Amino acid sequence: MDVTSIIGLLLSIVLIVIVGIGPAKLGNFWDPQSVAIVVGGTIAAVVGSYPLNKLSKIPGHFKLLVQGNKYNMGALLNTLEEMAQLARKNGLLALEEKANEIDDPFFKQGIMLIVDATEPEEVRSMLENELDAMADRHADGANMYAKASAFAPAFGMIGTLVGLINMLKGMNLDEGGSSNIGPAMSVALVTTFYGCVLANVLFNPIANKLNVRNEEEMLYKQVIIEGILAIQAGDNPKFLKEKLVTYLAQKNRAKVLGASDSGGGQADAPADK
C-alpha cells in the first residue's frame, strides 16, 4: 500500500491551515459563495470536457493512488525463466498449458502468439500497439486532473472578479463605503486562494501519481514483451534473466534477481487502469 498521497494531502493541510493560517483565523478563509464558484465551476468544467465513460473511471483512479506498485519484477523474471527452460526442453507448443495458468491477458496473449508460430516482428508490433493504446488511456486519466488543476485557479480568478465587481458596484464613498473595501477585498481574494490550493494540493499530485503508476505498468509490460521474444528466439534462460534485469535501475537489480532466484510461481497479474 502506498500512503504517500494521503500523507502529502494531510501534511499540506497541516502546514497551510494550522501553521500558515492559524486555527483562530480560519473563519477569514471561509466563504460559501467562493466554494461554489471554484469547486462547482471546476467540477462543471471537467464534466463538460470528458464523456461519461471516462468520468466513470474516477473512483478507480483514487484506488490506484494508494495501492502501491503491484508489479513483482522478481516473480515475472522467474516465470519467464521457467518458460524459457520449458520451451528449450519441449518446444514452444509446451507453453500453451503454461499460458492457461496466467491471469494477465497481456502476458497470456503474448505467449499464445509465439505458441501459434507468429513471426517475431508481428508479435512485437501487436504487443507494442496494445501497449501504446494502454498508455493513451492512462494519459487520458492523468490529463483529466491536469486540466482540473488549470481550471481551478481560473475559476478562482473568476470568483475574484465577481467579488471585485460587486464591491465596486456597492461602494459609496459619500456614505462611508470606503470602510468596507478591506473586508470586501479579502472575500474577493479567497476564491483565488481556493483555486490555488485545489490545483497544487489535490489535482496536480493526483495527475503526477497516475503518471508514476503508468510508468510502472509500462515497464512491467515492456519486460514481458522482451521476455516473450527472447523465449521465441531460444535464448538461454539464465541469459534471458540477466538481459531483462537491465531494464531496472542499477540499485534495484540485485534485489530483483534475489527475489527471482528465491521466489517461485507466476508473476502478479497486472490490471489495466
Protein backbone atom coordinates (compact mmCIF):
# COMPACT_ATOMS: atom_id res chain seq x y z
CA MET A 1 0.00 0.00 0.00
CA ASP A 2 1.29 3.45 -0.95
CA VAL A 3 0.16 6.05 1.58
CA THR A 4 2.30 8.91 0.25
CA SER A 5 -0.72 10.56 -1.42
CA ILE A 6 -2.60 10.58 1.88
CA ILE A 7 0.47 11.75 3.80
CA GLY A 8 1.10 14.53 1.30
CA LEU A 9 -2.51 15.74 1.48
CA LEU A 10 -2.59 15.69 5.27
CA LEU A 11 0.80 17.40 5.51
CA SER A 12 -0.36 20.14 3.13
CA ILE A 13 -3.50 20.72 5.20
CA VAL A 14 -1.50 20.91 8.43
CA LEU A 15 1.07 23.33 7.02
CA ILE A 16 -1.50 25.58 5.33
CA VAL A 17 -4.29 25.51 7.91
CA ILE A 18 -2.51 25.02 11.22
CA VAL A 19 0.89 26.62 10.63
CA GLY A 20 0.19 29.13 7.88
CA ILE A 21 -3.30 30.43 8.62
CA GLY A 22 -3.78 29.53 12.26
CA PRO A 23 -6.91 27.98 13.77
CA ALA A 24 -8.07 31.33 15.17
CA LYS A 25 -8.19 32.89 11.70
CA LEU A 26 -9.85 30.06 9.79
CA GLY A 27 -13.10 32.00 9.67
CA ASN A 28 -11.42 34.59 7.46
CA PHE A 29 -10.94 31.94 4.77
CA TRP A 30 -14.46 30.53 4.70
CA ASP A 31 -16.87 31.81 2.10
CA PRO A 32 -19.64 29.54 0.73
CA GLN A 33 -20.07 31.56 -2.46
CA SER A 34 -16.37 31.23 -3.24
CA VAL A 35 -16.53 27.48 -2.65
CA ALA A 36 -19.49 27.23 -5.02
CA ILE A 37 -17.69 29.19 -7.74
CA VAL A 38 -14.33 27.38 -7.53
CA VAL A 39 -15.33 23.81 -6.65
CA GLY A 40 -18.58 23.84 -8.59
CA GLY A 41 -17.05 25.57 -11.59
CA THR A 42 -14.08 23.18 -11.71
CA ILE A 43 -16.32 20.11 -11.48
CA ALA A 44 -18.63 21.51 -14.15
CA ALA A 45 -15.70 22.24 -16.49
CA VAL A 46 -14.26 18.74 -16.06
CA VAL A 47 -17.66 17.12 -16.60
CA GLY A 48 -18.15 19.22 -19.71
CA SER A 49 -14.73 18.26 -21.05
CA TYR A 50 -14.98 14.46 -20.87
CA PRO A 51 -17.54 11.82 -21.86
CA LEU A 52 -19.27 9.75 -19.20
CA ASN A 53 -17.21 6.61 -19.89
CA LYS A 54 -14.03 8.46 -18.90
CA LEU A 55 -15.59 10.18 -15.88
CA SER A 56 -16.80 6.80 -14.59
CA LYS A 57 -13.17 5.76 -14.08
CA ILE A 58 -12.52 8.42 -11.42
CA PRO A 59 -13.19 6.06 -8.44
CA GLY A 60 -10.64 3.64 -9.90
CA HIS A 61 -8.08 6.43 -10.12
CA PHE A 62 -8.29 7.05 -6.38
CA LYS A 63 -7.80 3.34 -5.75
CA LEU A 64 -4.62 3.45 -7.83
CA LEU A 65 -3.23 6.29 -5.70
CA VAL A 66 -2.93 4.12 -2.60
CA GLN A 67 -2.44 0.59 -3.92
CA GLY A 68 1.33 0.86 -4.39
CA ASN A 69 3.48 -0.78 -7.05
CA LYS A 70 1.81 -4.15 -7.64
CA TYR A 71 4.19 -5.34 -10.34
CA ASN A 72 6.51 -8.00 -8.96
CA MET A 73 9.52 -7.94 -11.28
CA GLY A 74 11.25 -10.76 -9.42
CA ALA A 75 8.29 -13.10 -9.91
CA LEU A 76 7.96 -12.05 -13.54
CA LEU A 77 11.62 -12.84 -14.30
CA ASN A 78 11.23 -16.16 -12.52
CA THR A 79 8.17 -17.03 -14.64
CA LEU A 80 9.88 -16.04 -17.88
CA GLU A 81 12.96 -18.09 -16.97
CA GLU A 82 10.80 -21.15 -16.28
CA MET A 83 9.03 -20.71 -19.59
CA ALA A 84 12.34 -20.36 -21.42
CA GLN A 85 13.56 -23.61 -19.86
CA LEU A 86 10.31 -25.38 -20.78
CA ALA A 87 10.43 -24.08 -24.37
CA ARG A 88 14.04 -25.19 -24.87
CA LYS A 89 13.26 -28.62 -23.49
CA ASN A 90 9.86 -29.36 -25.06
CA GLY A 91 9.34 -26.70 -27.71
CA LEU A 92 7.14 -23.62 -27.87
CA LEU A 93 3.95 -25.68 -28.05
CA ALA A 94 4.59 -26.82 -24.48
CA LEU A 95 3.94 -23.24 -23.33
CA GLU A 96 0.23 -23.42 -24.18
CA GLU A 97 -0.65 -25.19 -20.95
CA LYS A 98 1.53 -22.75 -19.00
CA ALA A 99 -0.22 -19.81 -20.69
CA ASN A 100 -3.60 -21.04 -19.43
CA GLU A 101 -2.31 -20.57 -15.87
CA ILE A 102 -1.57 -16.88 -16.45
CA ASP A 103 -4.18 -14.37 -15.30
CA ASP A 104 -2.69 -11.34 -17.06
CA PRO A 105 -4.39 -11.08 -20.51
CA PHE A 106 -1.43 -9.20 -22.00
CA PHE A 107 1.09 -11.82 -20.89
CA LYS A 108 -1.17 -14.66 -21.96
CA GLN A 109 -1.75 -13.11 -25.38
CA GLY A 110 1.98 -12.80 -25.98
CA ILE A 111 2.65 -16.42 -25.06
CA MET A 112 -0.16 -17.65 -27.31
CA LEU A 113 1.24 -15.62 -30.21
CA ILE A 114 4.57 -17.41 -30.06
CA VAL A 115 2.85 -20.76 -29.50
CA ASP A 116 0.96 -20.12 -32.74
CA ALA A 117 4.30 -19.53 -34.53
CA THR A 118 3.62 -15.85 -35.24
CA GLU A 119 6.59 -14.02 -36.72
CA PRO A 120 8.68 -12.14 -34.13
CA GLU A 121 8.15 -8.80 -35.91
CA GLU A 122 4.39 -9.31 -35.81
CA VAL A 123 4.48 -10.34 -32.15
CA ARG A 124 6.39 -7.18 -31.24
CA SER A 125 4.14 -5.00 -33.37
CA MET A 126 0.90 -6.37 -31.91
CA LEU A 127 2.04 -6.18 -28.30
CA GLU A 128 3.58 -2.72 -28.65
CA ASN A 129 0.42 -1.43 -30.34
CA GLU A 130 -1.55 -2.66 -27.35
CA LEU A 131 0.97 -1.02 -25.05
CA ASP A 132 0.62 2.29 -26.89
CA ALA A 133 -3.18 2.11 -26.66
CA MET A 134 -2.92 1.42 -22.93
CA ALA A 135 -0.58 4.39 -22.46
CA ASP A 136 -3.07 6.64 -24.28
CA ARG A 137 -5.87 5.51 -21.97
CA HIS A 138 -3.74 6.16 -18.92
CA ALA A 139 -2.73 9.57 -20.26
CA ASP A 140 -6.41 10.50 -20.58
CA GLY A 141 -6.89 9.79 -16.88
CA ALA A 142 -3.87 11.82 -15.79
CA ASN A 143 -4.76 14.67 -18.15
CA MET A 144 -8.20 14.91 -16.56
CA TYR A 145 -6.60 16.02 -13.29
CA ALA A 146 -4.02 18.16 -15.06
CA LYS A 147 -6.89 20.04 -16.72
CA ALA A 148 -8.69 20.32 -13.39
CA SER A 149 -5.54 21.89 -11.94
CA ALA A 150 -5.75 24.52 -14.68
CA PHE A 151 -9.50 25.06 -14.28
CA ALA A 152 -9.37 25.61 -10.50
CA PRO A 153 -7.16 28.76 -10.49
CA ALA A 154 -9.12 30.09 -13.48
CA PHE A 155 -12.40 29.81 -11.58
CA GLY A 156 -10.63 31.31 -8.58
CA MET A 157 -9.86 34.36 -10.70
CA ILE A 158 -13.46 34.43 -11.93
CA GLY A 159 -14.63 34.47 -8.31
CA THR A 160 -12.21 37.28 -7.54
CA LEU A 161 -13.52 39.33 -10.44
CA VAL A 162 -17.11 38.72 -9.33
CA GLY A 163 -16.24 39.87 -5.82
CA LEU A 164 -14.43 42.97 -7.05
CA ILE A 165 -17.27 43.93 -9.36
CA ASN A 166 -19.81 43.57 -6.57
CA MET A 167 -17.56 45.50 -4.21
CA LEU A 168 -17.13 48.42 -6.62
CA LYS A 169 -20.82 48.46 -7.51
CA GLY A 170 -21.78 48.70 -3.85
CA MET A 171 -19.13 51.21 -2.84
CA ASN A 172 -20.39 54.69 -1.94
CA LEU A 173 -17.62 56.97 -0.71
CA ASP A 174 -20.08 59.68 0.40
CA GLU A 175 -21.73 57.28 2.84
CA GLY A 176 -18.54 55.79 4.25
CA GLY A 177 -18.34 52.94 1.77
CA SER A 178 -14.57 53.11 1.78
CA SER A 179 -14.55 51.40 5.16
CA ASN A 180 -15.90 48.23 3.52
CA ILE A 181 -13.13 47.97 0.93
CA GLY A 182 -10.82 45.84 3.10
CA PRO A 183 -13.34 43.15 4.11
CA ALA A 184 -14.85 43.03 0.63
CA MET A 185 -11.42 42.70 -0.99
CA SER A 186 -10.45 39.85 1.34
CA VAL A 187 -13.61 37.93 0.41
CA ALA A 188 -12.88 38.50 -3.29
CA LEU A 189 -9.36 37.10 -2.93
CA VAL A 190 -10.49 33.97 -1.09
CA THR A 191 -11.61 32.42 -4.37
CA THR A 192 -8.09 32.73 -5.81
CA PHE A 193 -6.78 31.07 -2.66
CA TYR A 194 -9.21 28.17 -3.08
CA GLY A 195 -8.24 27.71 -6.71
CA CYS A 196 -4.51 27.61 -5.99
CA VAL A 197 -4.95 25.16 -3.12
CA LEU A 198 -7.10 22.79 -5.17
CA ALA A 199 -4.68 22.86 -8.08
CA ASN A 200 -1.46 22.32 -6.13
CA VAL A 201 -2.58 20.25 -3.16
CA LEU A 202 -5.09 17.95 -4.85
CA PHE A 203 -5.20 17.85 -8.66
CA ASN A 204 -1.51 18.15 -9.63
CA PRO A 205 -0.37 15.45 -7.14
CA ILE A 206 -3.07 13.08 -8.40
CA ALA A 207 -2.00 13.62 -12.03
CA ASN A 208 1.65 13.03 -11.13
CA LYS A 209 0.89 9.85 -9.17
CA LEU A 210 -1.19 8.43 -12.03
CA ASN A 211 1.75 9.08 -14.37
CA VAL A 212 4.00 7.17 -11.98
CA ARG A 213 1.58 4.22 -11.96
CA ASN A 214 1.53 4.29 -15.76
CA GLU A 215 5.34 4.17 -15.92
CA GLU A 216 5.38 1.18 -13.56
CA GLU A 217 2.94 -0.79 -15.72
CA MET A 218 4.64 0.25 -18.96
CA LEU A 219 7.99 -1.03 -17.67
CA TYR A 220 6.43 -4.28 -16.49
CA LYS A 221 4.80 -4.98 -19.84
CA GLN A 222 7.85 -3.93 -21.82
CA VAL A 223 9.82 -6.57 -19.91
CA ILE A 224 7.08 -9.08 -20.80
CA ILE A 225 7.44 -8.24 -24.50
CA GLU A 226 11.21 -8.62 -24.48
CA GLY A 227 10.99 -11.81 -22.44
CA ILE A 228 8.48 -13.40 -24.80
CA LEU A 229 10.58 -12.54 -27.84
CA ALA A 230 13.69 -13.92 -26.13
CA ILE A 231 11.85 -17.18 -25.43
CA GLN A 232 10.76 -17.36 -29.05
CA ALA A 233 14.35 -16.77 -30.15
CA GLY A 234 15.54 -19.65 -27.95
CA ASP A 235 17.75 -17.56 -25.65
CA ASN A 236 19.46 -19.26 -22.74
CA PRO A 237 17.16 -18.91 -19.68
CA LYS A 238 19.91 -17.52 -17.44
CA PHE A 239 21.00 -15.06 -20.12
CA LEU A 240 17.36 -14.06 -20.61
CA LYS A 241 17.03 -13.09 -16.97
CA GLU A 242 20.32 -11.19 -16.96
CA LYS A 243 19.24 -9.31 -20.08
CA LEU A 244 15.81 -8.35 -18.80
CA VAL A 245 17.04 -7.10 -15.45
CA THR A 246 18.92 -4.33 -17.28
CA TYR A 247 15.57 -2.56 -17.70
CA LEU A 248 15.71 -1.75 -14.00
CA ALA A 249 17.79 0.83 -12.16
CA GLN A 250 21.20 -0.47 -11.10
CA LYS A 251 20.37 -0.26 -7.40
CA ASN A 252 17.27 -2.45 -7.86
CA ARG A 253 18.85 -5.23 -9.89
CA ALA A 254 20.40 -7.25 -7.06
CA LYS A 255 17.14 -7.15 -5.11
CA VAL A 256 15.06 -8.27 -8.09
CA LEU A 257 17.47 -11.03 -9.05
CA GLY A 258 17.48 -12.24 -5.47
CA ALA A 259 13.68 -12.28 -5.40
CA SER A 260 13.51 -14.16 -8.68
CA ASP A 261 16.06 -16.70 -7.54
CA SER A 262 14.35 -17.34 -4.20
CA GLY A 263 10.74 -16.89 -5.28
CA GLY A 264 8.63 -19.08 -7.47
CA GLY A 265 5.39 -19.30 -9.28
CA GLN A 266 3.59 -16.93 -11.54
CA ALA A 267 4.15 -13.21 -11.57
CA ASP A 268 1.45 -11.00 -10.08
CA ALA A 269 -1.17 -10.30 -12.72
CA PRO A 270 -1.42 -6.58 -13.50
CA ALA A 271 -4.69 -4.88 -14.25
CA ASP A 272 -5.19 -2.15 -16.83
CA LYS A 273 -6.18 1.17 -15.37
